[in-house]
């Protein structure tokens, strides 16, 4: 703990945070949540609880003359039995919108997950500190993007000059919901997930409600989106429904309609984009569930495979091709009365040619280079001239 009397400690409050829907007071500090308490109470899924508490797109944003910043946090790091160790999560520093540094926090809690048994065990650990020094003098906007893949309790913010909330720059809020691919999966850092890159290129404020393993057309997620102010909304639907083998076509179609109806209850005229799945060869024609390939885990590389049977599509099982066709049909039907509703085929972001050049390392999730490509493509298609999100 610093003893220099020039340090100023500022409480972490909601007016210094963007990208979170709620702050929970904890024994150590505050925990940002990307789903409100009412939504969290309606689902007992530990995967969802872990995912929504990982602060993808959540960042501290403040105005200050400080040249040094310290942030104490208590991260929760995941360890998968039999898999290679995961690197510590990264904190990205932006000064007036430009990259200005990165750091990590050592220690923290450890969550050990065994995919073969479904067991989970948490071991408590110490609070750590990420430090940024040598910032330029003068008034500036400072952003600290939290690790997109580590649950992060915020304990203390210290600076060598006073801080205050950054002013509203008048940028539109883009509310996006998707799977682990939109959550960030194997992106290099929190500002280089494909939605964060697209938001930066599009000049908008990102509110990322993407949930690893949790894009399942849950009504509570739709209600959270309904109740969240936004000028632009997108929903990426498909891969998690196949991963979990959650529903058949008979249930999928009304579930999509219900989800969109709920979002529209709160945003009747807002541009709303429905995005179908990116290319994923193992599930293009083969239904789920997705299961880990434990032989690959033992060799030091985690991969997934499709455990369904292509013939089961005849009985309504969902593969990605089925989902794409049905989403296109649903949007075309609804757009006749909803001109602000739009559709993207996800293969425009990542398709056959991309897979040949940049294959999915674990057969499900894009790597860092692919996140960058997807972010740039989305920015061009959605925010560029003639795009559905064009200003």
Protein backbone atom coordinates (compact mmCIF):
# COMPACT_ATOMS: atom_id res chain seq x y z
CA UNK A 1 0.00 0.00 0.00
CA UNK A 2 1.52 3.36 -0.94
CA UNK A 3 2.43 5.80 1.85
CA UNK A 4 3.34 8.82 -0.28
CA UNK A 5 1.09 11.67 0.87
CA UNK A 6 0.65 12.87 -2.73
CA UNK A 7 -1.58 9.89 -3.53
CA UNK A 8 -5.32 10.55 -3.63
CA UNK A 9 -7.78 7.68 -3.20
CA UNK A 10 -11.08 8.07 -5.06
CA UNK A 11 -14.05 5.79 -4.40
CA UNK A 12 -15.04 3.71 -7.44
CA UNK A 13 -18.62 4.72 -8.14
CA UNK A 14 -21.00 4.23 -11.04
CA UNK A 15 -20.21 7.67 -12.51
CA UNK A 16 -16.60 6.52 -13.11
CA UNK A 17 -17.61 3.25 -14.83
CA UNK A 18 -18.96 2.54 -18.29
CA UNK A 19 -20.11 -0.78 -19.71
CA UNK A 20 -21.67 -2.17 -16.52
CA UNK A 21 -25.37 -2.28 -15.69
CA UNK A 22 -24.93 -2.59 -11.94
CA UNK A 23 -22.35 -2.39 -9.14
CA UNK A 24 -22.43 -4.84 -6.24
CA UNK A 25 -20.83 -3.85 -2.94
CA UNK A 26 -18.52 -6.66 -1.75
CA UNK A 27 -16.30 -7.24 1.26
CA UNK A 28 -13.35 -5.91 -0.75
CA UNK A 29 -14.87 -3.14 -2.87
CA UNK A 30 -17.29 -3.21 -5.78
CA UNK A 31 -18.01 -5.85 -8.41
CA UNK A 32 -19.29 -4.69 -11.84
CA UNK A 33 -22.14 -6.75 -13.25
CA UNK A 34 -23.30 -6.84 -16.86
CA UNK A 35 -26.72 -8.21 -15.93
CA UNK A 36 -28.92 -6.65 -13.22
CA UNK A 37 -29.73 -8.46 -9.97
CA UNK A 38 -33.26 -9.36 -11.13
CA UNK A 39 -31.85 -11.15 -14.17
CA UNK A 40 -29.17 -12.92 -12.15
CA UNK A 41 -31.80 -14.16 -9.69
CA UNK A 42 -33.74 -15.87 -12.50
CA UNK A 43 -30.94 -18.23 -13.55
CA UNK A 44 -28.96 -20.64 -11.38
CA UNK A 45 -26.45 -21.44 -14.14
CA UNK A 46 -22.90 -21.06 -12.74
CA UNK A 47 -21.57 -20.54 -16.28
CA UNK A 48 -23.80 -17.50 -16.71
CA UNK A 49 -22.88 -16.17 -13.26
CA UNK A 50 -19.20 -16.38 -14.14
CA UNK A 51 -19.67 -14.91 -17.59
CA UNK A 52 -21.77 -11.87 -16.70
CA UNK A 53 -19.35 -10.93 -13.90
CA UNK A 54 -16.41 -10.92 -16.31
CA UNK A 55 -16.20 -7.26 -17.30
CA UNK A 56 -16.00 -7.44 -21.09
CA UNK A 57 -16.25 -3.85 -22.29
CA UNK A 58 -16.30 -2.44 -18.74
CA UNK A 59 -13.89 0.42 -18.16
CA UNK A 60 -13.06 3.11 -15.62
CA UNK A 61 -13.32 6.49 -17.34
CA UNK A 62 -12.32 9.75 -15.67
CA UNK A 63 -10.90 13.22 -16.28
CA UNK A 64 -7.67 14.10 -14.49
CA UNK A 65 -4.27 15.82 -14.56
CA UNK A 66 -2.68 12.76 -12.93
CA UNK A 67 0.55 11.35 -14.31
CA UNK A 68 0.37 8.15 -12.24
CA UNK A 69 -2.56 5.81 -11.58
CA UNK A 70 -2.83 2.71 -9.40
CA UNK A 71 -5.80 0.35 -9.31
CA UNK A 72 -6.15 -2.34 -6.63
CA UNK A 73 -8.30 -5.27 -7.74
CA UNK A 74 -9.20 -8.78 -6.70
CA UNK A 75 -9.35 -10.88 -9.87
CA UNK A 76 -10.75 -14.39 -10.16
CA UNK A 77 -8.61 -16.43 -12.55
CA UNK A 78 -9.79 -19.62 -14.24
CA UNK A 79 -7.78 -22.83 -14.32
CA UNK A 80 -8.98 -25.77 -16.43
CA UNK A 81 -7.85 -29.20 -15.27
CA UNK A 82 -5.52 -30.74 -17.86
CA UNK A 83 -5.36 -27.58 -20.01
CA UNK A 84 -2.41 -25.21 -20.39
CA UNK A 85 -2.34 -22.33 -17.85
CA UNK A 86 -4.19 -19.21 -18.92
CA UNK A 87 -2.25 -15.93 -18.98
CA UNK A 88 -3.14 -13.21 -16.51
CA UNK A 89 -5.85 -10.88 -17.77
CA UNK A 90 -4.76 -7.58 -19.28
CA UNK A 91 -5.78 -4.05 -18.34
CA UNK A 92 -5.65 -1.61 -21.27
CA UNK A 93 -4.93 2.07 -20.61
CA UNK A 94 -6.21 4.72 -23.02
CA UNK A 95 -5.38 8.41 -22.77
CA UNK A 96 -7.66 10.67 -24.80
CA UNK A 97 -8.71 7.60 -26.74
CA UNK A 98 -5.20 6.41 -27.62
CA UNK A 99 -3.45 3.28 -26.28
CA UNK A 100 -1.02 4.28 -23.53
CA UNK A 101 -0.11 1.08 -21.67
CA UNK A 102 -1.04 -2.38 -20.47
CA UNK A 103 -0.69 -4.21 -17.20
CA UNK A 104 -1.79 -7.26 -15.23
CA UNK A 105 -2.61 -8.12 -11.64
CA UNK A 106 -0.90 -11.13 -10.14
CA UNK A 107 -2.54 -13.32 -7.52
CA UNK A 108 -6.24 -13.14 -6.83
CA UNK A 109 -8.77 -15.91 -6.41
CA UNK A 110 -8.43 -19.12 -8.42
CA UNK A 111 -11.43 -20.93 -9.90
CA UNK A 112 -10.49 -24.49 -10.91
CA UNK A 113 -12.85 -26.10 -13.42
CA UNK A 114 -12.89 -29.75 -14.44
CA UNK A 115 -14.73 -30.11 -17.76
CA UNK A 116 -14.78 -33.89 -17.51
CA UNK A 117 -16.78 -33.87 -14.26
CA UNK A 118 -18.33 -30.38 -14.24
CA UNK A 119 -16.83 -29.66 -10.82
CA UNK A 120 -15.62 -26.23 -9.74
CA UNK A 121 -13.52 -25.17 -6.77
CA UNK A 122 -12.58 -21.64 -5.71
CA UNK A 123 -9.43 -20.85 -3.73
CA UNK A 124 -9.17 -17.35 -2.24
CA UNK A 125 -6.15 -15.18 -2.99
CA UNK A 126 -4.75 -11.70 -2.35
CA UNK A 127 -5.63 -8.31 -3.79
CA UNK A 128 -3.14 -7.03 -6.38
CA UNK A 129 -2.27 -3.75 -8.06
CA UNK A 130 -1.89 -2.58 -11.64
CA UNK A 131 0.18 0.60 -12.05
CA UNK A 132 0.46 3.12 -14.88
CA UNK A 133 3.06 5.87 -14.66
CA UNK A 134 4.49 8.50 -16.98
CA UNK A 135 1.11 9.73 -18.21
CA UNK A 136 1.22 13.11 -19.98
CA UNK A 137 0.53 16.17 -17.86
CA UNK A 138 -2.51 18.33 -18.30
CA UNK A 139 -6.23 17.57 -18.30
CA UNK A 140 -7.08 14.39 -20.18
CA UNK A 141 -9.58 11.56 -20.41
CA UNK A 142 -8.20 8.34 -18.90
CA UNK A 143 -9.77 4.92 -19.51
CA UNK A 144 -8.74 1.68 -17.84
CA UNK A 145 -10.42 -1.26 -19.61
CA UNK A 146 -10.78 -4.22 -17.26
CA UNK A 147 -9.78 -7.76 -18.34
CA UNK A 148 -12.61 -9.09 -20.48
CA UNK A 149 -12.12 -12.66 -19.22
CA UNK A 150 -11.47 -12.25 -15.47
CA UNK A 151 -14.08 -11.47 -12.84
CA UNK A 152 -12.66 -8.31 -11.28
CA UNK A 153 -13.55 -6.71 -7.97
CA UNK A 154 -12.44 -3.08 -7.82
CA UNK A 155 -10.85 -2.31 -4.46
CA UNK A 156 -9.17 1.11 -4.70
CA UNK A 157 -8.29 3.79 -7.26
CA UNK A 158 -5.30 6.00 -6.49
CA UNK A 159 -3.90 8.91 -8.50
CA UNK A 160 -1.41 11.71 -7.93
CA UNK A 161 -4.02 14.35 -8.85
CA UNK A 162 -7.78 14.63 -8.35
CA UNK A 163 -10.13 12.79 -10.70
CA UNK A 164 -13.68 13.46 -11.80
CA UNK A 165 -16.17 11.91 -14.20
CA UNK A 166 -15.29 12.36 -17.87
CA UNK A 167 -17.75 14.55 -19.76
CA UNK A 168 -20.29 13.08 -22.15
CA UNK A 169 -18.72 13.37 -25.61
CA UNK A 170 -22.06 12.89 -27.33
CA UNK A 171 -21.27 9.47 -28.79
CA UNK A 172 -24.09 7.05 -29.45
CA UNK A 173 -24.39 3.97 -27.21
CA UNK A 174 -24.17 0.64 -29.02
CA UNK A 175 -25.74 -2.22 -27.02
CA UNK A 176 -24.57 -5.62 -28.24
CA UNK A 177 -25.43 -9.15 -27.10
CA UNK A 178 -23.71 -12.31 -28.27
CA UNK A 179 -21.78 -15.42 -27.25
CA UNK A 180 -18.20 -15.94 -26.05
CA UNK A 181 -17.04 -14.83 -29.50
CA UNK A 182 -18.50 -11.37 -28.85
CA UNK A 183 -17.53 -11.59 -25.17
CA UNK A 184 -13.90 -11.73 -26.32
CA UNK A 185 -12.91 -15.43 -26.26
CA UNK A 186 -9.25 -15.44 -27.34
CA UNK A 187 -8.85 -11.73 -28.13
CA UNK A 188 -5.48 -10.26 -27.18
CA UNK A 189 -6.84 -7.69 -24.70
CA UNK A 190 -10.08 -5.94 -23.65
CA UNK A 191 -9.85 -3.16 -26.25
CA UNK A 192 -9.14 -5.66 -29.05
CA UNK A 193 -12.24 -7.85 -28.81
CA UNK A 194 -14.07 -7.48 -32.09
CA UNK A 195 -16.94 -5.39 -30.59
CA UNK A 196 -14.48 -3.05 -28.82
CA UNK A 197 -12.50 -2.56 -32.04
CA UNK A 198 -15.68 -1.97 -34.05
CA UNK A 199 -16.95 0.55 -31.47
CA UNK A 200 -13.67 2.45 -31.57
CA UNK A 201 -13.68 2.58 -35.36
CA UNK A 202 -17.37 3.55 -35.38
CA UNK A 203 -16.97 6.31 -32.80
CA UNK A 204 -19.58 4.88 -30.42
CA UNK A 205 -19.77 3.88 -26.76
CA UNK A 206 -19.86 0.11 -26.36
CA UNK A 207 -22.13 -1.64 -23.89
CA UNK A 208 -21.26 -5.30 -24.34
CA UNK A 209 -23.84 -7.69 -22.90
CA UNK A 210 -22.23 -10.69 -24.60
CA UNK A 211 -22.09 -13.72 -22.34
CA UNK A 212 -19.71 -16.61 -22.90
CA UNK A 213 -21.91 -19.69 -23.16
CA UNK A 214 -24.97 -17.58 -22.31
CA UNK A 215 -26.43 -16.24 -25.56
CA UNK A 216 -29.46 -18.52 -25.22
CA UNK A 217 -32.42 -16.22 -25.94
CA UNK A 218 -33.11 -15.94 -22.22
CA UNK A 219 -36.09 -13.66 -21.45
CA UNK A 220 -34.21 -11.95 -18.61
CA UNK A 221 -31.45 -10.91 -21.01
CA UNK A 222 -34.02 -9.48 -23.41
CA UNK A 223 -35.59 -7.52 -20.54
CA UNK A 224 -32.18 -6.17 -19.52
CA UNK A 225 -31.68 -4.96 -23.08
CA UNK A 226 -35.22 -3.54 -23.16
CA UNK A 227 -34.50 -1.46 -20.05
CA UNK A 228 -31.03 -0.22 -21.08
CA UNK A 229 -30.79 3.11 -22.92
CA UNK A 230 -29.10 2.75 -26.32
CA UNK A 231 -29.13 4.35 -29.76
CA UNK A 232 -27.96 1.20 -31.58
CA UNK A 233 -28.66 -2.46 -30.76
CA UNK A 234 -27.38 -5.75 -32.16
CA UNK A 235 -28.02 -9.37 -31.24
CA UNK A 236 -25.78 -12.19 -32.44
CA UNK A 237 -27.70 -15.46 -32.24
CA UNK A 238 -26.82 -19.08 -32.83
CA UNK A 239 -23.62 -20.73 -31.71
CA UNK A 240 -24.51 -21.15 -28.02
CA UNK A 241 -27.86 -22.71 -28.87
CA UNK A 242 -25.98 -25.36 -30.85
CA UNK A 243 -23.21 -25.71 -28.24
CA UNK A 244 -25.76 -26.48 -25.54
CA UNK A 245 -28.17 -28.43 -27.79
CA UNK A 246 -30.77 -26.37 -25.98
CA UNK A 247 -33.82 -26.35 -28.26
CA UNK A 248 -35.28 -27.57 -31.51
CA UNK A 249 -36.45 -25.51 -34.47
CA UNK A 250 -40.03 -25.52 -33.16
CA UNK A 251 -38.91 -23.66 -30.01
CA UNK A 252 -36.21 -21.57 -31.70
CA UNK A 253 -38.50 -19.58 -34.01
CA UNK A 254 -40.92 -18.28 -31.35
CA UNK A 255 -38.01 -17.72 -28.94
CA UNK A 256 -36.33 -15.40 -31.46
CA UNK A 257 -39.61 -13.56 -32.02
CA UNK A 258 -40.16 -13.25 -28.27
CA UNK A 259 -36.64 -11.94 -27.66
CA UNK A 260 -36.98 -9.32 -30.39
CA UNK A 261 -40.49 -8.38 -29.22
CA UNK A 262 -39.16 -7.71 -25.71
CA UNK A 263 -36.25 -5.60 -26.95
CA UNK A 264 -38.66 -3.66 -29.16
CA UNK A 265 -40.92 -2.94 -26.15
CA UNK A 266 -38.22 -0.60 -24.86
CA UNK A 267 -36.68 0.47 -28.17
CA UNK A 268 -39.50 0.63 -30.73
CA UNK A 269 -37.63 2.59 -33.43
CA UNK A 270 -33.97 1.98 -32.60
CA UNK A 271 -31.80 0.42 -35.33
CA UNK A 272 -31.74 -3.27 -34.39
CA UNK A 273 -29.37 -5.66 -36.14
CA UNK A 274 -29.73 -9.45 -36.00
CA UNK A 275 -26.43 -11.22 -36.78
CA UNK A 276 -26.32 -14.92 -37.61
CA UNK A 277 -23.34 -17.14 -36.66
CA UNK A 278 -19.88 -16.78 -38.13
CA UNK A 279 -18.51 -19.81 -39.93
CA UNK A 280 -17.79 -22.76 -37.63
CA UNK A 281 -17.12 -25.86 -39.77
CA UNK A 282 -17.70 -28.44 -37.03
CA UNK A 283 -21.28 -27.22 -36.56
CA UNK A 284 -22.28 -26.02 -40.02
CA UNK A 285 -24.27 -29.17 -40.70
CA UNK A 286 -23.75 -31.13 -37.49
CA UNK A 287 -25.93 -30.31 -34.47
CA UNK A 288 -24.60 -30.05 -30.93
CA UNK A 289 -23.81 -30.44 -28.25
CA UNK A 290 -20.22 -29.22 -28.40
CA UNK A 291 -17.94 -31.32 -26.22
CA UNK A 292 -14.27 -30.99 -25.34
CA UNK A 293 -11.85 -33.29 -27.09
CA UNK A 294 -10.01 -34.60 -24.04
CA UNK A 295 -7.35 -36.27 -26.14
CA UNK A 296 -6.43 -32.81 -27.42
CA UNK A 297 -6.48 -31.41 -23.88
CA UNK A 298 -3.98 -34.04 -22.79
CA UNK A 299 -1.68 -33.08 -25.64
CA UNK A 300 -1.68 -29.49 -24.39
CA UNK A 301 -4.28 -27.93 -26.70
CA UNK A 302 -7.98 -27.59 -25.98
CA UNK A 303 -10.31 -28.34 -28.88
CA UNK A 304 -14.01 -28.98 -29.26
CA UNK A 305 -15.98 -31.32 -31.48
CA UNK A 306 -19.64 -31.68 -32.47
CA UNK A 307 -21.33 -34.62 -30.77
CA UNK A 308 -24.59 -34.53 -32.73
CA UNK A 309 -25.62 -36.38 -35.90
CA UNK A 310 -26.36 -34.45 -39.14
CA UNK A 311 -29.36 -36.72 -39.71
CA UNK A 312 -30.97 -35.28 -36.58
CA UNK A 313 -31.67 -32.02 -38.41
CA UNK A 314 -34.68 -33.80 -39.90
CA UNK A 315 -36.22 -33.97 -36.41
CA UNK A 316 -35.60 -30.27 -35.76
CA UNK A 317 -32.13 -30.28 -34.22
CA UNK A 318 -30.25 -27.05 -34.82
CA UNK A 319 -27.06 -26.71 -36.83
CA UNK A 320 -25.65 -23.35 -37.88
CA UNK A 321 -26.95 -23.59 -41.44
CA UNK A 322 -30.48 -24.16 -40.13
CA UNK A 323 -30.18 -21.18 -37.78
CA UNK A 324 -28.89 -18.84 -40.49
CA UNK A 325 -31.73 -19.70 -42.84
CA UNK A 326 -34.37 -19.25 -40.14
CA UNK A 327 -32.94 -15.95 -38.86
CA UNK A 328 -32.92 -14.54 -42.40
CA UNK A 329 -36.55 -15.61 -42.83
CA UNK A 330 -37.62 -14.16 -39.46
CA UNK A 331 -35.98 -10.79 -40.08
CA UNK A 332 -37.39 -10.55 -43.60
CA UNK A 333 -40.87 -11.27 -42.24
CA UNK A 334 -40.61 -8.74 -39.39
CA UNK A 335 -38.88 -6.03 -41.43
CA UNK A 336 -42.02 -5.61 -43.52
CA UNK A 337 -43.49 -3.79 -40.49
CA UNK A 338 -40.20 -2.80 -38.80
CA UNK A 339 -37.95 -0.88 -41.21
CA UNK A 340 -35.34 -0.31 -38.49
CA UNK A 341 -34.72 -4.08 -38.21
CA UNK A 342 -31.71 -5.38 -40.14
CA UNK A 343 -29.89 -8.67 -40.76
CA UNK A 344 -26.24 -9.70 -41.26
CA UNK A 345 -25.07 -13.11 -42.32
CA UNK A 346 -22.26 -13.77 -39.82
CA UNK A 347 -20.11 -15.23 -42.58
CA UNK A 348 -19.61 -11.67 -43.82
CA UNK A 349 -17.50 -11.21 -40.69
CA UNK A 350 -15.76 -14.60 -40.88
CA UNK A 351 -16.35 -17.05 -43.71
CA UNK A 352 -14.78 -19.87 -45.71
CA UNK A 353 -11.81 -17.88 -47.03
CA UNK A 354 -11.08 -16.55 -43.56
CA UNK A 355 -11.16 -20.05 -42.07
CA UNK A 356 -8.60 -21.23 -44.61
CA UNK A 357 -6.30 -18.34 -43.69
CA UNK A 358 -7.09 -18.01 -39.98
CA UNK A 359 -8.59 -21.29 -38.72
CA UNK A 360 -10.34 -21.40 -35.36
CA UNK A 361 -7.65 -22.73 -32.96
CA UNK A 362 -10.09 -24.75 -30.85
CA UNK A 363 -12.71 -25.18 -33.63
CA UNK A 364 -15.07 -22.71 -31.93
CA UNK A 365 -13.35 -19.43 -31.02
CA UNK A 366 -11.48 -16.91 -33.18
CA UNK A 367 -7.93 -15.88 -32.31
CA UNK A 368 -6.63 -12.34 -31.82
CA UNK A 369 -5.97 -11.72 -35.52
CA UNK A 370 -9.50 -12.85 -36.38
CA UNK A 371 -11.01 -10.55 -33.74
CA UNK A 372 -9.24 -7.65 -35.42
CA UNK A 373 -10.51 -8.67 -38.84
CA UNK A 374 -14.07 -9.09 -37.59
CA UNK A 375 -14.01 -5.74 -35.81
CA UNK A 376 -12.76 -3.93 -38.90
CA UNK A 377 -15.31 -5.65 -41.12
CA UNK A 378 -18.21 -4.93 -38.80
CA UNK A 379 -17.19 -1.28 -38.57
CA UNK A 380 -17.15 -0.99 -42.35
CA UNK A 381 -20.43 -2.84 -42.87
CA UNK A 382 -22.44 -1.32 -40.02
CA UNK A 383 -20.94 2.12 -39.36
CA UNK A 384 -19.70 2.88 -42.87
CA UNK A 385 -21.59 4.74 -45.57
CA UNK A 386 -24.93 3.05 -46.19
CA UNK A 387 -24.57 0.83 -43.12
CA UNK A 388 -27.48 0.26 -40.78
CA UNK A 389 -25.60 2.04 -37.96
CA UNK A 390 -24.26 4.89 -40.09
CA UNK A 391 -24.42 8.26 -38.33
